[in-house]
Amino acid sequence: MMLCLFRLFVFFSCTLRNVVIALITDELL
């Protein structure tokens, strides 16, 4: 159970980071 939650958290944080990077790139360009 904990491993599943950990994987979900890692996946979510990576996705969130990609979204933030995309937004920042949009603002800069």
C-alpha atoms as a PDB file:
ATOM      1  CA  MET A   1       0.000   0.000   0.000  1.00  0.00           C
ATOM      2  CA  MET A   2       2.728   2.444   0.965  1.00  0.00           C
ATOM      3  CA  LEU A   3       4.722   1.580  -2.150  1.00  0.00           C
ATOM      4  CA  CYS A   4       1.672   2.261  -4.304  1.00  0.00           C
ATOM      5  CA  LEU A   5       1.111   5.644  -2.649  1.00  0.00           C
ATOM      6  CA  PHE A   6       4.800   6.469  -3.010  1.00  0.00           C
ATOM      7  CA  ARG A   7       4.725   5.651  -6.721  1.00  0.00           C
ATOM      8  CA  LEU A   8       1.586   7.734  -7.180  1.00  0.00           C
ATOM      9  CA  PHE A   9       3.227  10.650  -5.352  1.00  0.00           C
ATOM     10  CA  VAL A  10       6.374  10.420  -7.483  1.00  0.00           C
ATOM     11  CA  PHE A  11       4.334  10.247 -10.693  1.00  0.00           C
ATOM     12  CA  PHE A  12       2.195  13.224  -9.621  1.00  0.00           C
ATOM     13  CA  SER A  13       5.205  15.330  -8.613  1.00  0.00           C
ATOM     14  CA  CYS A  14       6.950  14.587 -11.924  1.00  0.00           C
ATOM     15  CA  THR A  15       3.828  15.499 -13.889  1.00  0.00           C
ATOM     16  CA  LEU A  16       3.382  18.672 -11.862  1.00  0.00           C
ATOM     17  CA  ARG A  17       7.019  19.624 -12.468  1.00  0.00           C
ATOM     18  CA  ASN A  18       6.585  19.124 -16.226  1.00  0.00           C
ATOM     19  CA  VAL A  19       3.474  21.317 -16.208  1.00  0.00           C
ATOM     20  CA  VAL A  20       5.281  24.054 -14.271  1.00  0.00           C
ATOM     21  CA  ILE A  21       8.246  23.927 -16.656  1.00  0.00           C
ATOM     22  CA  ALA A  22       5.887  24.137 -19.631  1.00  0.00           C
ATOM     23  CA  LEU A  23       4.109  27.158 -18.137  1.00  0.00           C
ATOM     24  CA  ILE A  24       7.397  28.919 -17.359  1.00  0.00           C
ATOM     25  CA  THR A  25       8.643  28.228 -20.898  1.00  0.00           C
ATOM     26  CA  ASP A  26       5.410  29.656 -22.314  1.00  0.00           C
ATOM     27  CA  GLU A  27       5.835  32.803 -20.229  1.00  0.00           C
ATOM     28  CA  LEU A  28       9.470  33.259 -21.279  1.00  0.00           C
ATOM     29  CA  LEU A  29       8.760  32.669 -24.953  1.00  0.00           C
END
